[in-house]
Amino acid sequence: MDEKTGRGDDEGEEKNREKSMSDEKCYLVENKGKEGNICVITERCKGCGFCIEFCPVNALEFSEKTTEKGYKPPKMNQGCILCGKCEKICPEFSIYLKKKKEGE
């Protein structure tokens, strides 16, 4: 048990999981029979813009909102083709794809 908070380890871990999940913004993408989500972990993003710059269809742009650290994470425009380049190029691993499988 933590003397400062009076909570057990499990409670603290649960709180951290809740925070990290709330810092995640997911966008549903449906394009030419493909379906999935592009998710951005906003508090992990440093606003470098690589995902925006290298997107082949310009499906991302900087958000108007800033994070607590003062960075502007990407947000989804239209036209995403779920190619995954944003996920591959992100140096902070803050953007990722969740492709839906058939039957889901």
Protein backbone atom coordinates (compact mmCIF):
# COMPACT_ATOMS: atom_id res chain seq x y z
CA MET A 1 0.00 0.00 0.00
CA ASP A 2 1.23 3.50 -0.86
CA GLU A 3 1.57 5.58 2.30
CA LYS A 4 0.86 8.89 0.51
CA THR A 5 -2.26 7.85 -1.37
CA GLY A 6 -3.47 5.02 0.84
CA ARG A 7 -4.10 2.95 -2.28
CA GLY A 8 -2.82 -0.47 -3.18
CA ASP A 9 -0.69 -1.03 -6.28
CA ASP A 10 -3.64 -2.36 -8.31
CA GLU A 11 -5.63 0.84 -7.83
CA GLY A 12 -2.73 3.02 -8.95
CA GLU A 13 -2.13 0.89 -12.03
CA GLU A 14 -5.81 1.05 -12.92
CA LYS A 15 -5.75 4.85 -12.64
CA ASN A 16 -2.73 5.03 -14.99
CA ARG A 17 -4.48 2.78 -17.52
CA GLU A 18 -7.57 5.02 -17.40
CA LYS A 19 -5.45 8.13 -18.00
CA SER A 20 -3.59 6.63 -20.94
CA MET A 21 -6.86 5.46 -22.51
CA SER A 22 -8.41 8.93 -22.10
CA ASP A 23 -5.40 10.44 -23.90
CA GLU A 24 -6.24 8.40 -26.99
CA LYS A 25 -8.32 9.70 -29.88
CA CYS A 26 -9.56 7.16 -32.45
CA TYR A 27 -11.08 7.92 -35.84
CA LEU A 28 -13.26 5.41 -37.69
CA VAL A 29 -12.15 4.93 -41.30
CA GLU A 30 -14.23 3.27 -44.00
CA ASN A 31 -12.73 3.32 -47.49
CA LYS A 32 -13.24 1.02 -50.47
CA GLY A 33 -14.32 -1.99 -48.47
CA LYS A 34 -11.66 -1.52 -45.78
CA GLU A 35 -12.64 -0.55 -42.27
CA GLY A 36 -10.60 0.28 -39.21
CA ASN A 37 -9.50 2.95 -36.77
CA ILE A 38 -6.59 5.34 -36.72
CA CYS A 39 -5.73 6.04 -33.09
CA VAL A 40 -3.54 8.83 -31.74
CA ILE A 41 -2.17 8.73 -28.21
CA THR A 42 -2.23 12.49 -27.84
CA GLU A 43 -0.05 12.83 -24.75
CA ARG A 44 2.69 10.72 -26.35
CA CYS A 45 2.73 12.81 -29.56
CA LYS A 46 5.46 15.46 -29.86
CA GLY A 47 3.84 17.22 -32.84
CA CYS A 48 6.71 16.51 -35.26
CA GLY A 49 4.30 16.26 -38.21
CA PHE A 50 6.00 13.26 -39.89
CA CYS A 51 2.67 11.43 -40.11
CA ILE A 52 1.09 14.46 -41.77
CA GLU A 53 3.99 15.09 -44.14
CA PHE A 54 4.33 11.49 -45.34
CA CYS A 55 0.64 10.58 -45.65
CA PRO A 56 0.19 9.75 -49.36
CA VAL A 57 -3.42 11.02 -49.43
CA ASN A 58 -3.15 14.01 -47.01
CA ALA A 59 -5.60 12.40 -44.61
CA LEU A 60 -4.04 13.99 -41.51
CA GLU A 61 -3.64 17.56 -40.32
CA PHE A 62 -2.53 19.26 -37.12
CA SER A 63 -5.22 19.58 -34.47
CA GLU A 64 -6.25 23.02 -33.26
CA LYS A 65 -6.04 21.73 -29.69
CA THR A 66 -2.75 21.48 -27.85
CA THR A 67 -1.75 18.84 -25.33
CA GLU A 68 -0.73 19.60 -21.75
CA LYS A 69 2.87 19.73 -23.01
CA GLY A 70 1.97 22.28 -25.70
CA TYR A 71 2.14 20.00 -28.76
CA LYS A 72 -0.46 19.76 -31.52
CA PRO A 73 -1.16 16.11 -32.35
CA PRO A 74 -2.58 15.08 -35.72
CA LYS A 75 -6.27 14.72 -36.43
CA MET A 76 -8.00 12.90 -39.23
CA ASN A 77 -9.23 14.51 -42.43
CA GLN A 78 -11.10 12.48 -44.99
CA GLY A 79 -9.54 10.09 -47.47
CA CYS A 80 -7.51 7.73 -45.29
CA ILE A 81 -6.72 4.48 -47.12
CA LEU A 82 -5.43 2.61 -44.03
CA CYS A 83 -1.97 2.20 -45.58
CA GLY A 84 -0.19 2.46 -42.22
CA LYS A 85 2.57 4.89 -43.23
CA CYS A 86 1.70 7.18 -40.33
CA GLU A 87 2.11 4.32 -37.89
CA LYS A 88 5.45 3.24 -39.39
CA ILE A 89 7.01 6.70 -39.45
CA CYS A 90 5.98 7.96 -36.01
CA PRO A 91 9.13 8.20 -33.83
CA GLU A 92 7.05 8.28 -30.62
CA PHE A 93 4.77 5.33 -31.53
CA SER A 94 1.81 7.60 -30.83
CA ILE A 95 -0.31 6.76 -33.88
CA TYR A 96 -1.48 3.30 -34.86
CA LEU A 97 -4.02 1.42 -36.96
CA LYS A 98 -6.61 -1.04 -35.80
CA LYS A 99 -7.92 -2.75 -38.93
CA LYS A 100 -11.20 -4.55 -38.53
CA LYS A 101 -11.29 -8.12 -39.71
CA GLU A 102 -14.14 -9.45 -41.78
CA GLY A 103 -17.06 -10.52 -39.65
CA GLU A 104 -16.50 -7.99 -36.85
